[in-house]
Amino acid sequence: MRAIQIARLDGPQAAELVDIAEPTGGDGSVLIDVYAAGVAFPDALQSRGLYQYKPAMPYTPGAEIAGVVRSAPGDAPVAPGDRVAGLTMLCGAMAEVVALPAERVFKLPDSVSFEAGAGLLFNDLTVHFALRNRGRLAPGETVLVHGAAGGIGTSTLRLAPAFGAARTIAVVSSTEKADVARAAGASDVVLADGFKDAVKELTGGRGVDIVVDPVGGDRFTDSLRSLAPGGRLLVVGFTGGEIPTVKVNRLLLNNVDAVGVGWGAWTAGHPGYLQEQWADLEPLLASGAVSAPEPMVFPLERAAEAIASLEDRTARGKVVVSLR
């Protein structure tokens, strides 16, 4: 079968199209013919050896797939012929056939394309965990999201209103990315440069209830300053490169929280949680209450370019590669 492999830590350009043996399934796994695979920021970090998980080389990148079940054990939640999305969690997705544990495979609504399905799980389940569990989003609250034209950003803009947010404020680095954020459903869009003052004006000086931050870097302090009393800053990642520090007196004086969002670690310690999340999300997608993502799609042969788009920040929304 065709697959992408990375055999040296030279960055995204090391991703090469190769021919390798198909997995055989067995051991209770679900065998899936892959139509599309998701691309995420950890793929770029892994390609340089900079991610906390370092797979043995050569390895196949990609954490999420969408496709059709070829075979499944009788007690699995899916059956042969089902359209599904699935999680490899960290690598292995960019291949024509994958074998996954049944608990990481989910029936895909007929209304959701394979390309959109491959771009759903990593971001949407992270944002679901962030807003529902860690952020305690309440009806009527205002959510601000950094990196709003990226995968986590557009997922937040799509999901927050369905979870009860009354307003979403998107922070972007350019006017081009502002268009992406508006298309994803942002109530308001502000530029990263000077966002604190813009948010203060938009909220009449009150601030926002939740900040979703996958960027980190030098925005962190102004994000804390942008919170309303009782607000929560959700630490999702550090695509900006720098890991910021917190002066905890800011938390005390303003009665705000800085909250870690480690979705992968949480799922590892809470069996069944992924299926609980999907049971909450799938009806929203099937009914159209939450729109499916509209990803940037690259052919498998251009997987290196797809991964690089996360590193050089040319990506708009979610990025996937198409295999069939």
C-alpha atoms as a PDB file:
ATOM      1  CA  MET A   1       0.000   0.000   0.000  1.00  0.00           C
ATOM      2  CA  ARG A   2       1.010   3.634  -0.420  1.00  0.00           C
ATOM      3  CA  ALA A   3       2.042   5.499   2.712  1.00  0.00           C
ATOM      4  CA  ILE A   4       4.035   8.498   3.827  1.00  0.00           C
ATOM      5  CA  GLN A   5       7.150   7.816   5.851  1.00  0.00           C
ATOM      6  CA  ILE A   6       9.666  10.052   7.595  1.00  0.00           C
ATOM      7  CA  ALA A   7      13.101   8.497   7.957  1.00  0.00           C
ATOM      8  CA  ARG A   8      15.150  11.517   9.061  1.00  0.00           C
ATOM      9  CA  LEU A   9      14.434  14.505  11.266  1.00  0.00           C
ATOM     10  CA  ASP A  10      14.915  17.184   8.623  1.00  0.00           C
ATOM     11  CA  GLY A  11      11.473  18.731   8.941  1.00  0.00           C
ATOM     12  CA  PRO A  12       8.362  18.310   6.787  1.00  0.00           C
ATOM     13  CA  GLN A  13      10.386  17.943   3.575  1.00  0.00           C
ATOM     14  CA  ALA A  14      11.561  14.554   4.877  1.00  0.00           C
ATOM     15  CA  ALA A  15       8.075  13.108   4.278  1.00  0.00           C
ATOM     16  CA  GLU A  16       8.282  10.690   1.356  1.00  0.00           C
ATOM     17  CA  LEU A  17       5.742   8.534  -0.459  1.00  0.00           C
ATOM     18  CA  VAL A  18       6.693   4.853  -0.171  1.00  0.00           C
ATOM     19  CA  ASP A  19       5.176   1.412  -0.637  1.00  0.00           C
ATOM     20  CA  ILE A  20       4.869  -0.724   2.518  1.00  0.00           C
ATOM     21  CA  ALA A  21       2.980  -3.825   3.634  1.00  0.00           C
ATOM     22  CA  GLU A  22      -0.648  -3.517   4.710  1.00  0.00           C
ATOM     23  CA  PRO A  23      -1.581  -4.169   8.336  1.00  0.00           C
ATOM     24  CA  THR A  24      -3.435  -7.436   8.858  1.00  0.00           C
ATOM     25  CA  GLY A  25      -5.770  -6.393  11.665  1.00  0.00           C
ATOM     26  CA  GLY A  26      -6.565  -8.977  14.319  1.00  0.00           C
ATOM     27  CA  ASP A  27      -6.298  -8.617  18.101  1.00  0.00           C
ATOM     28  CA  GLY A  28      -9.722  -6.976  18.171  1.00  0.00           C
ATOM     29  CA  SER A  29      -8.726  -4.119  15.874  1.00  0.00           C
ATOM     30  CA  VAL A  30     -10.798  -2.488  13.148  1.00  0.00           C
ATOM     31  CA  LEU A  31      -9.236  -2.535   9.665  1.00  0.00           C
ATOM     32  CA  ILE A  32     -10.029   0.605   7.657  1.00  0.00           C
ATOM     33  CA  ASP A  33      -9.492   1.614   4.026  1.00  0.00           C
ATOM     34  CA  VAL A  34      -8.354   5.215   4.432  1.00  0.00           C
ATOM     35  CA  TYR A  35      -9.759   7.927   2.156  1.00  0.00           C
ATOM     36  CA  ALA A  36      -8.277  10.958   3.919  1.00  0.00           C
ATOM     37  CA  ALA A  37      -5.900  11.685   6.800  1.00  0.00           C
ATOM     38  CA  GLY A  38      -5.641  14.745   9.017  1.00  0.00           C
ATOM     39  CA  VAL A  39      -2.547  16.899   9.492  1.00  0.00           C
ATOM     40  CA  ALA A  40      -1.858  18.681  12.783  1.00  0.00           C
ATOM     41  CA  PHE A  41       0.837  20.850  14.333  1.00  0.00           C
ATOM     42  CA  PRO A  42       2.427  17.904  16.212  1.00  0.00           C
ATOM     43  CA  ASP A  43       3.210  16.359  12.800  1.00  0.00           C
ATOM     44  CA  ALA A  44       5.469  19.302  12.008  1.00  0.00           C
ATOM     45  CA  LEU A  45       7.142  19.151  15.428  1.00  0.00           C
ATOM     46  CA  GLN A  46       7.664  15.385  15.185  1.00  0.00           C
ATOM     47  CA  SER A  47       9.336  15.773  11.800  1.00  0.00           C
ATOM     48  CA  ARG A  48      12.107  17.738  13.554  1.00  0.00           C
ATOM     49  CA  GLY A  49      12.251  15.622  16.703  1.00  0.00           C
ATOM     50  CA  LEU A  50      10.762  18.483  18.747  1.00  0.00           C
ATOM     51  CA  TYR A  51       7.582  16.797  20.013  1.00  0.00           C
ATOM     52  CA  GLN A  52       7.443  15.084  23.416  1.00  0.00           C
ATOM     53  CA  TYR A  53       6.575  11.768  21.745  1.00  0.00           C
ATOM     54  CA  LYS A  54       9.342  10.586  19.434  1.00  0.00           C
ATOM     55  CA  PRO A  55       8.328   7.591  17.293  1.00  0.00           C
ATOM     56  CA  ALA A  56      10.885   5.084  16.062  1.00  0.00           C
ATOM     57  CA  MET A  57      11.969   5.851  12.505  1.00  0.00           C
ATOM     58  CA  PRO A  58      10.935   5.417   9.849  1.00  0.00           C
ATOM     59  CA  TYR A  59       7.425   6.332  10.902  1.00  0.00           C
ATOM     60  CA  THR A  60       4.168   7.292   9.208  1.00  0.00           C
ATOM     61  CA  PRO A  61       2.799  10.691  10.361  1.00  0.00           C
ATOM     62  CA  GLY A  62      -0.804  11.615  11.021  1.00  0.00           C
ATOM     63  CA  ALA A  63      -3.175  11.235  13.975  1.00  0.00           C
ATOM     64  CA  GLU A  64      -6.634  10.965  12.393  1.00  0.00           C
ATOM     65  CA  ILE A  65      -8.297   9.275   9.443  1.00  0.00           C
ATOM     66  CA  ALA A  66     -11.596   8.878   7.656  1.00  0.00           C
ATOM     67  CA  GLY A  67     -12.527   5.918   5.507  1.00  0.00           C
ATOM     68  CA  VAL A  68     -14.538   2.707   5.191  1.00  0.00           C
ATOM     69  CA  VAL A  69     -14.379  -0.292   7.517  1.00  0.00           C
ATOM     70  CA  ARG A  70     -12.933  -3.366   5.817  1.00  0.00           C
ATOM     71  CA  SER A  71     -13.274  -5.678   8.804  1.00  0.00           C
ATOM     72  CA  ALA A  72     -14.219  -5.394  12.481  1.00  0.00           C
ATOM     73  CA  PRO A  73     -14.756  -7.698  15.442  1.00  0.00           C
ATOM     74  CA  GLY A  74     -18.351  -8.541  16.296  1.00  0.00           C
ATOM     75  CA  ASP A  75     -18.425  -6.472  19.471  1.00  0.00           C
ATOM     76  CA  ALA A  76     -17.092  -3.291  17.822  1.00  0.00           C
ATOM     77  CA  PRO A  77     -19.341  -0.194  17.515  1.00  0.00           C
ATOM     78  CA  VAL A  78     -18.838  -0.293  13.716  1.00  0.00           C
ATOM     79  CA  ALA A  79     -19.240  -2.927  11.001  1.00  0.00           C
ATOM     80  CA  PRO A  80     -17.732  -3.661   7.572  1.00  0.00           C
ATOM     81  CA  GLY A  81     -18.868  -1.054   5.052  1.00  0.00           C
ATOM     82  CA  ASP A  82     -19.442   1.697   7.612  1.00  0.00           C
ATOM     83  CA  ARG A  83     -18.129   5.176   6.878  1.00  0.00           C
ATOM     84  CA  VAL A  84     -15.973   6.104   9.854  1.00  0.00           C
ATOM     85  CA  ALA A  85     -13.510   8.536  11.363  1.00  0.00           C
ATOM     86  CA  GLY A  86     -10.735   7.257  13.582  1.00  0.00           C
ATOM     87  CA  LEU A  87      -7.791   8.244  15.736  1.00  0.00           C
ATOM     88  CA  THR A  88      -4.284   6.848  15.572  1.00  0.00           C
ATOM     89  CA  MET A  89      -3.603   9.505  18.271  1.00  0.00           C
ATOM     90  CA  LEU A  90      -0.024  10.416  17.283  1.00  0.00           C
ATOM     91  CA  CYS A  91       1.177   8.769  14.066  1.00  0.00           C
ATOM     92  CA  GLY A  92       0.291   6.161  11.451  1.00  0.00           C
ATOM     93  CA  ALA A  93      -2.614   7.846   9.649  1.00  0.00           C
ATOM     94  CA  MET A  94      -1.088   8.700   6.250  1.00  0.00           C
ATOM     95  CA  ALA A  95      -1.423   5.210   4.799  1.00  0.00           C
ATOM     96  CA  GLU A  96      -4.010   3.545   2.580  1.00  0.00           C
ATOM     97  CA  VAL A  97      -4.977   0.994   5.261  1.00  0.00           C
ATOM     98  CA  VAL A  98      -4.833   1.319   9.054  1.00  0.00           C
ATOM     99  CA  ALA A  99      -5.782  -0.916  11.978  1.00  0.00           C
ATOM    100  CA  LEU A 100      -7.260   0.837  15.029  1.00  0.00           C
ATOM    101  CA  PRO A 101      -8.640  -0.195  18.415  1.00  0.00           C
ATOM    102  CA  ALA A 102     -12.437  -0.240  18.265  1.00  0.00           C
ATOM    103  CA  GLU A 103     -12.758   2.452  20.934  1.00  0.00           C
ATOM    104  CA  ARG A 104     -10.968   4.922  18.639  1.00  0.00           C
ATOM    105  CA  VAL A 105     -13.300   4.406  15.650  1.00  0.00           C
ATOM    106  CA  PHE A 106     -16.507   6.427  15.189  1.00  0.00           C
ATOM    107  CA  LYS A 107     -19.381   6.230  12.697  1.00  0.00           C
ATOM    108  CA  LEU A 108     -19.296   9.243  10.394  1.00  0.00           C
ATOM    109  CA  PRO A 109     -22.619  10.956   9.534  1.00  0.00           C
ATOM    110  CA  ASP A 110     -23.536  10.607   5.868  1.00  0.00           C
ATOM    111  CA  SER A 111     -23.596  14.397   5.591  1.00  0.00           C
ATOM    112  CA  VAL A 112     -19.887  14.660   6.468  1.00  0.00           C
ATOM    113  CA  SER A 113     -17.363  14.056   3.670  1.00  0.00           C
ATOM    114  CA  PHE A 114     -14.266  11.918   4.160  1.00  0.00           C
ATOM    115  CA  GLU A 115     -12.078  15.021   3.866  1.00  0.00           C
ATOM    116  CA  ALA A 116     -14.090  16.824   6.550  1.00  0.00           C
ATOM    117  CA  GLY A 117     -14.212  13.663   8.663  1.00  0.00           C
ATOM    118  CA  ALA A 118     -10.431  13.369   8.621  1.00  0.00           C
ATOM    119  CA  GLY A 119     -10.265  16.918   9.964  1.00  0.00           C
ATOM    120  CA  LEU A 120     -12.804  16.518  12.746  1.00  0.00           C
ATOM    121  CA  LEU A 121     -11.533  14.468  15.604  1.00  0.00           C
ATOM    122  CA  PHE A 122      -8.225  15.901  16.755  1.00  0.00           C
ATOM    123  CA  ASN A 123      -9.456  19.492  16.877  1.00  0.00           C
ATOM    124  CA  ASP A 124     -13.132  19.040  17.706  1.00  0.00           C
ATOM    125  CA  LEU A 125     -12.536  16.570  20.529  1.00  0.00           C
ATOM    126  CA  THR A 126      -9.803  18.813  21.954  1.00  0.00           C
ATOM    127  CA  VAL A 127     -12.115  21.841  21.849  1.00  0.00           C
ATOM    128  CA  HIS A 128     -15.000  19.798  23.269  1.00  0.00           C
ATOM    129  CA  PHE A 129     -12.782  18.828  26.213  1.00  0.00           C
ATOM    130  CA  ALA A 130     -11.523  22.403  26.556  1.00  0.00           C
ATOM    131  CA  LEU A 131     -14.908  24.097  26.615  1.00  0.00           C
ATOM    132  CA  ARG A 132     -17.028  21.441  28.312  1.00  0.00           C
ATOM    133  CA  ASN A 133     -14.647  19.970  30.877  1.00  0.00           C
ATOM    134  CA  ARG A 134     -11.804  22.387  31.531  1.00  0.00           C
ATOM    135  CA  GLY A 135     -13.427  25.708  30.665  1.00  0.00           C
ATOM    136  CA  ARG A 136     -16.872  25.019  32.143  1.00  0.00           C
ATOM    137  CA  LEU A 137     -18.501  27.113  29.422  1.00  0.00           C
ATOM    138  CA  ALA A 138     -21.874  28.398  30.613  1.00  0.00           C
ATOM    139  CA  PRO A 139     -24.755  29.610  28.430  1.00  0.00           C
ATOM    140  CA  GLY A 140     -24.429  33.241  27.405  1.00  0.00           C
ATOM    141  CA  GLU A 141     -20.673  33.529  27.921  1.00  0.00           C
ATOM    142  CA  THR A 142     -18.146  35.099  25.550  1.00  0.00           C
ATOM    143  CA  VAL A 143     -15.252  33.065  24.140  1.00  0.00           C
ATOM    144  CA  LEU A 144     -12.081  34.539  22.635  1.00  0.00           C
ATOM    145  CA  VAL A 145      -9.793  32.311  20.572  1.00  0.00           C
ATOM    146  CA  HIS A 146      -6.233  32.932  19.390  1.00  0.00           C
ATOM    147  CA  GLY A 147      -4.969  31.520  16.115  1.00  0.00           C
ATOM    148  CA  ALA A 148      -8.564  31.714  14.989  1.00  0.00           C
ATOM    149  CA  ALA A 149      -7.860  30.811  11.353  1.00  0.00           C
ATOM    150  CA  GLY A 150      -6.125  27.564  12.334  1.00  0.00           C
ATOM    151  CA  GLY A 151      -7.525  24.141  13.130  1.00  0.00           C
ATOM    152  CA  ILE A 152      -8.196  24.668  16.857  1.00  0.00           C
ATOM    153  CA  GLY A 153      -9.354  28.214  16.157  1.00  0.00           C
ATOM    154  CA  THR A 154     -11.935  27.357  13.514  1.00  0.00           C
ATOM    155  CA  SER A 155     -13.100  24.385  15.592  1.00  0.00           C
ATOM    156  CA  THR A 156     -13.687  26.704  18.556  1.00  0.00           C
ATOM    157  CA  LEU A 157     -15.659  29.114  16.384  1.00  0.00           C
ATOM    158  CA  ARG A 158     -17.817  26.268  15.056  1.00  0.00           C
ATOM    159  CA  LEU A 159     -18.453  24.546  18.391  1.00  0.00           C
ATOM    160  CA  ALA A 160     -18.674  27.295  21.021  1.00  0.00           C
ATOM    161  CA  PRO A 161     -22.097  28.606  19.919  1.00  0.00           C
ATOM    162  CA  ALA A 162     -23.512  25.070  19.925  1.00  0.00           C
ATOM    163  CA  PHE A 163     -22.252  24.664  23.493  1.00  0.00           C
ATOM    164  CA  GLY A 164     -23.989  27.860  24.625  1.00  0.00           C
ATOM    165  CA  ALA A 165     -21.589  30.732  23.922  1.00  0.00           C
ATOM    166  CA  ALA A 166     -23.389  33.944  23.060  1.00  0.00           C
ATOM    167  CA  ARG A 167     -20.380  35.560  21.391  1.00  0.00           C
ATOM    168  CA  THR A 168     -17.068  34.486  19.871  1.00  0.00           C
ATOM    169  CA  ILE A 169     -14.141  36.835  19.325  1.00  0.00           C
ATOM    170  CA  ALA A 170     -11.477  35.680  16.867  1.00  0.00           C
ATOM    171  CA  VAL A 171      -7.868  36.893  17.132  1.00  0.00           C
ATOM    172  CA  VAL A 172      -5.933  36.659  13.846  1.00  0.00           C
ATOM    173  CA  SER A 173      -2.635  37.914  12.481  1.00  0.00           C
ATOM    174  CA  SER A 174      -3.842  39.232   9.092  1.00  0.00           C
ATOM    175  CA  THR A 175      -6.890  40.454   7.223  1.00  0.00           C
ATOM    176  CA  GLU A 176      -6.781  37.336   5.028  1.00  0.00           C
ATOM    177  CA  LYS A 177      -7.073  35.135   8.097  1.00  0.00           C
ATOM    178  CA  ALA A 178      -9.899  37.357   9.339  1.00  0.00           C
ATOM    179  CA  ASP A 179     -11.973  36.155   6.373  1.00  0.00           C
ATOM    180  CA  VAL A 180     -11.355  32.533   7.411  1.00  0.00           C
ATOM    181  CA  ALA A 181     -12.463  33.277  10.968  1.00  0.00           C
ATOM    182  CA  ARG A 182     -15.644  35.011   9.828  1.00  0.00           C
ATOM    183  CA  ALA A 183     -16.468  32.087   7.551  1.00  0.00           C
ATOM    184  CA  ALA A 184     -16.090  29.769  10.559  1.00  0.00           C
ATOM    185  CA  GLY A 185     -18.692  31.818  12.449  1.00  0.00           C
ATOM    186  CA  ALA A 186     -16.838  34.439  14.495  1.00  0.00           C
ATOM    187  CA  SER A 187     -19.047  37.145  15.986  1.00  0.00           C
ATOM    188  CA  ASP A 188     -16.140  39.604  15.965  1.00  0.00           C
ATOM    189  CA  VAL A 189     -12.603  39.540  14.568  1.00  0.00           C
ATOM    190  CA  VAL A 190      -9.624  41.522  15.872  1.00  0.00           C
ATOM    191  CA  LEU A 191      -5.964  41.603  14.890  1.00  0.00           C
ATOM    192  CA  ALA A 192      -3.389  40.104  17.251  1.00  0.00           C
ATOM    193  CA  ASP A 193      -1.507  43.389  17.411  1.00  0.00           C
ATOM    194  CA  GLY A 194      -3.369  45.349  20.058  1.00  0.00           C
ATOM    195  CA  PHE A 195      -6.028  42.704  20.674  1.00  0.00           C
ATOM    196  CA  LYS A 196      -6.330  43.510  24.410  1.00  0.00           C
ATOM    197  CA  ASP A 197      -7.525  47.050  23.783  1.00  0.00           C
ATOM    198  CA  ALA A 198      -9.840  45.910  21.001  1.00  0.00           C
ATOM    199  CA  VAL A 199     -11.410  43.287  23.274  1.00  0.00           C
ATOM    200  CA  LYS A 200     -11.856  45.842  26.045  1.00  0.00           C
ATOM    201  CA  GLU A 201     -13.741  48.094  23.648  1.00  0.00           C
ATOM    202  CA  LEU A 202     -15.858  45.265  22.233  1.00  0.00           C
ATOM    203  CA  THR A 203     -16.909  44.114  25.708  1.00  0.00           C
ATOM    204  CA  GLY A 204     -17.493  47.532  27.209  1.00  0.00           C
ATOM    205  CA  GLY A 205     -14.514  47.048  29.515  1.00  0.00           C
ATOM    206  CA  ARG A 206     -15.821  43.812  31.049  1.00  0.00           C
ATOM    207  CA  GLY A 207     -13.578  41.324  29.253  1.00  0.00           C
ATOM    208  CA  VAL A 208     -14.290  37.781  28.071  1.00  0.00           C
ATOM    209  CA  ASP A 209     -15.258  34.698  30.045  1.00  0.00           C
ATOM    210  CA  ILE A 210     -12.962  32.229  28.270  1.00  0.00           C
ATOM    211  CA  VAL A 211      -9.771  32.546  26.230  1.00  0.00           C
ATOM    212  CA  VAL A 212      -8.813  29.514  24.143  1.00  0.00           C
ATOM    213  CA  ASP A 213      -5.071  29.769  23.509  1.00  0.00           C
ATOM    214  CA  PRO A 214      -3.263  27.313  21.208  1.00  0.00           C
ATOM    215  CA  VAL A 215      -0.569  29.924  20.471  1.00  0.00           C
ATOM    216  CA  GLY A 216       1.136  30.908  23.739  1.00  0.00           C
ATOM    217  CA  GLY A 217       4.113  33.220  23.360  1.00  0.00           C
ATOM    218  CA  ASP A 218       3.944  36.908  24.187  1.00  0.00           C
ATOM    219  CA  ARG A 219       0.137  37.117  24.008  1.00  0.00           C
ATOM    220  CA  PHE A 220      -0.332  35.290  27.290  1.00  0.00           C
ATOM    221  CA  THR A 221      -0.211  38.187  29.733  1.00  0.00           C
ATOM    222  CA  ASP A 222      -2.598  40.300  27.660  1.00  0.00           C
ATOM    223  CA  SER A 223      -4.913  37.282  27.455  1.00  0.00           C
ATOM    224  CA  LEU A 224      -5.061  37.185  31.258  1.00  0.00           C
ATOM    225  CA  ARG A 225      -5.751  40.916  31.268  1.00  0.00           C
ATOM    226  CA  SER A 226      -8.599  40.365  28.801  1.00  0.00           C
ATOM    227  CA  LEU A 227     -10.523  38.068  31.154  1.00  0.00           C
ATOM    228  CA  ALA A 228     -13.611  39.160  33.030  1.00  0.00           C
ATOM    229  CA  PRO A 229     -13.759  38.375  36.767  1.00  0.00           C
ATOM    230  CA  GLY A 230     -14.055  34.612  37.103  1.00  0.00           C
ATOM    231  CA  GLY A 231     -12.673  34.129  33.589  1.00  0.00           C
ATOM    232  CA  ARG A 232     -10.658  31.115  32.412  1.00  0.00           C
ATOM    233  CA  LEU A 233      -7.621  31.068  30.132  1.00  0.00           C
ATOM    234  CA  LEU A 234      -7.383  27.624  28.501  1.00  0.00           C
ATOM    235  CA  VAL A 235      -3.809  26.600  27.641  1.00  0.00           C
ATOM    236  CA  VAL A 236      -4.102  24.345  24.577  1.00  0.00           C
ATOM    237  CA  GLY A 237      -0.665  24.620  22.945  1.00  0.00           C
ATOM    238  CA  PHE A 238       2.295  26.711  21.911  1.00  0.00           C
ATOM    239  CA  THR A 239       2.316  27.149  18.142  1.00  0.00           C
ATOM    240  CA  GLY A 240       3.954  30.525  18.752  1.00  0.00           C
ATOM    241  CA  GLY A 241       7.043  28.643  19.892  1.00  0.00           C
ATOM    242  CA  GLU A 242       7.610  30.247  23.298  1.00  0.00           C
ATOM    243  CA  ILE A 243       6.119  28.670  26.421  1.00  0.00           C
ATOM    244  CA  PRO A 244       4.953  31.582  28.599  1.00  0.00           C
ATOM    245  CA  THR A 245       5.111  31.816  32.379  1.00  0.00           C
ATOM    246  CA  VAL A 246       2.361  32.906  34.742  1.00  0.00           C
ATOM    247  CA  LYS A 247       2.723  35.517  37.460  1.00  0.00           C
ATOM    248  CA  VAL A 248       0.199  33.986  39.798  1.00  0.00           C
ATOM    249  CA  ASN A 249      -0.570  37.271  41.528  1.00  0.00           C
ATOM    250  CA  ARG A 250      -2.549  38.144  38.378  1.00  0.00           C
ATOM    251  CA  LEU A 251      -4.762  35.126  39.021  1.00  0.00           C
ATOM    252  CA  LEU A 252      -5.308  36.086  42.640  1.00  0.00           C
ATOM    253  CA  LEU A 253      -5.963  39.796  42.120  1.00  0.00           C
ATOM    254  CA  ASN A 254      -8.431  39.337  39.272  1.00  0.00           C
ATOM    255  CA  ASN A 255     -10.020  36.041  40.377  1.00  0.00           C
ATOM    256  CA  VAL A 256      -9.177  34.337  37.085  1.00  0.00           C
ATOM    257  CA  ASP A 257      -7.898  30.865  36.190  1.00  0.00           C
ATOM    258  CA  ALA A 258      -5.143  29.570  33.915  1.00  0.00           C
ATOM    259  CA  VAL A 259      -6.228  26.038  33.008  1.00  0.00           C
ATOM    260  CA  GLY A 260      -4.265  23.311  31.255  1.00  0.00           C
ATOM    261  CA  VAL A 261      -6.005  21.429  28.427  1.00  0.00           C
ATOM    262  CA  GLY A 262      -4.219  18.115  27.890  1.00  0.00           C
ATOM    263  CA  TRP A 263      -6.872  16.181  25.966  1.00  0.00           C
ATOM    264  CA  GLY A 264      -4.602  13.298  24.962  1.00  0.00           C
ATOM    265  CA  ALA A 265      -3.409  12.699  28.507  1.00  0.00           C
ATOM    266  CA  TRP A 266      -6.974  12.868  29.800  1.00  0.00           C
ATOM    267  CA  THR A 267      -8.251  10.272  27.330  1.00  0.00           C
ATOM    268  CA  ALA A 268      -5.388   7.933  28.233  1.00  0.00           C
ATOM    269  CA  GLY A 269      -6.513   7.962  31.856  1.00  0.00           C
ATOM    270  CA  HIS A 270     -10.276   7.863  31.248  1.00  0.00           C
ATOM    271  CA  PRO A 271     -11.353   4.768  29.264  1.00  0.00           C
ATOM    272  CA  GLY A 272     -14.536   5.318  27.291  1.00  0.00           C
ATOM    273  CA  TYR A 273     -14.215   9.103  27.289  1.00  0.00           C
ATOM    274  CA  LEU A 274     -13.627   9.338  23.523  1.00  0.00           C
ATOM    275  CA  GLN A 275     -16.887   7.525  22.798  1.00  0.00           C
ATOM    276  CA  GLU A 276     -18.681   9.775  25.308  1.00  0.00           C
ATOM    277  CA  GLN A 277     -17.361  12.812  23.450  1.00  0.00           C
ATOM    278  CA  TRP A 278     -18.472  11.446  20.084  1.00  0.00           C
ATOM    279  CA  ALA A 279     -21.932  10.664  21.470  1.00  0.00           C
ATOM    280  CA  ASP A 280     -22.213  14.370  22.308  1.00  0.00           C
ATOM    281  CA  LEU A 281     -20.776  15.681  19.028  1.00  0.00           C
ATOM    282  CA  GLU A 282     -22.169  13.300  16.408  1.00  0.00           C
ATOM    283  CA  PRO A 283     -25.834  14.382  16.715  1.00  0.00           C
ATOM    284  CA  LEU A 284     -24.787  18.022  16.342  1.00  0.00           C
ATOM    285  CA  LEU A 285     -22.902  17.214  13.132  1.00  0.00           C
ATOM    286  CA  ALA A 286     -25.629  14.950  11.769  1.00  0.00           C
ATOM    287  CA  SER A 287     -28.332  17.565  12.351  1.00  0.00           C
ATOM    288  CA  GLY A 288     -26.289  20.438  10.967  1.00  0.00           C
ATOM    289  CA  ALA A 289     -26.329  22.263  14.310  1.00  0.00           C
ATOM    290  CA  VAL A 290     -22.531  22.199  13.990  1.00  0.00           C
ATOM    291  CA  SER A 291     -21.084  22.530  10.512  1.00  0.00           C
ATOM    292  CA  ALA A 292     -18.380  20.162   9.334  1.00  0.00           C
ATOM    293  CA  PRO A 293     -14.956  21.761   8.775  1.00  0.00           C
ATOM    294  CA  GLU A 294     -13.940  22.806   5.265  1.00  0.00           C
ATOM    295  CA  PRO A 295     -10.311  21.743   5.216  1.00  0.00           C
ATOM    296  CA  MET A 296      -7.443  22.548   2.881  1.00  0.00           C
ATOM    297  CA  VAL A 297      -6.936  19.301   0.939  1.00  0.00           C
ATOM    298  CA  PHE A 298      -3.606  18.101  -0.464  1.00  0.00           C
ATOM    299  CA  PRO A 299      -3.046  14.905  -2.459  1.00  0.00           C
ATOM    300  CA  LEU A 300      -0.974  12.287  -0.665  1.00  0.00           C
ATOM    301  CA  GLU A 301       1.952  13.014  -2.975  1.00  0.00           C
ATOM    302  CA  ARG A 302       2.114  16.524  -1.481  1.00  0.00           C
ATOM    303  CA  ALA A 303       2.033  15.428   2.165  1.00  0.00           C
ATOM    304  CA  ALA A 304       5.326  17.208   2.862  1.00  0.00           C
ATOM    305  CA  GLU A 305       3.775  20.467   1.688  1.00  0.00           C
ATOM    306  CA  ALA A 306       0.689  19.815   3.802  1.00  0.00           C
ATOM    307  CA  ILE A 307       2.772  19.305   6.953  1.00  0.00           C
ATOM    308  CA  ALA A 308       4.916  22.344   6.132  1.00  0.00           C
ATOM    309  CA  SER A 309       1.800  24.534   5.921  1.00  0.00           C
ATOM    310  CA  LEU A 310       1.339  24.082   9.675  1.00  0.00           C
ATOM    311  CA  GLU A 311       4.933  25.036  10.360  1.00  0.00           C
ATOM    312  CA  ASP A 312       5.068  28.097   8.104  1.00  0.00           C
ATOM    313  CA  ARG A 313       1.538  29.217   9.056  1.00  0.00           C
ATOM    314  CA  THR A 314       0.150  29.238   5.536  1.00  0.00           C
ATOM    315  CA  ALA A 315      -2.585  26.795   6.597  1.00  0.00           C
ATOM    316  CA  ARG A 316      -6.139  28.087   6.678  1.00  0.00           C
ATOM    317  CA  GLY A 317      -8.361  26.029   8.950  1.00  0.00           C
ATOM    318  CA  LYS A 318      -7.792  22.283   9.053  1.00  0.00           C
ATOM    319  CA  VAL A 319      -5.371  20.534   6.675  1.00  0.00           C
ATOM    320  CA  VAL A 320      -5.892  16.996   5.341  1.00  0.00           C
ATOM    321  CA  VAL A 321      -4.324  14.751   2.729  1.00  0.00           C
ATOM    322  CA  SER A 322      -6.477  12.724   0.334  1.00  0.00           C
ATOM    323  CA  LEU A 323      -5.589   9.083  -0.290  1.00  0.00           C
ATOM    324  CA  ARG A 324      -8.398   7.831  -2.580  1.00  0.00           C
END
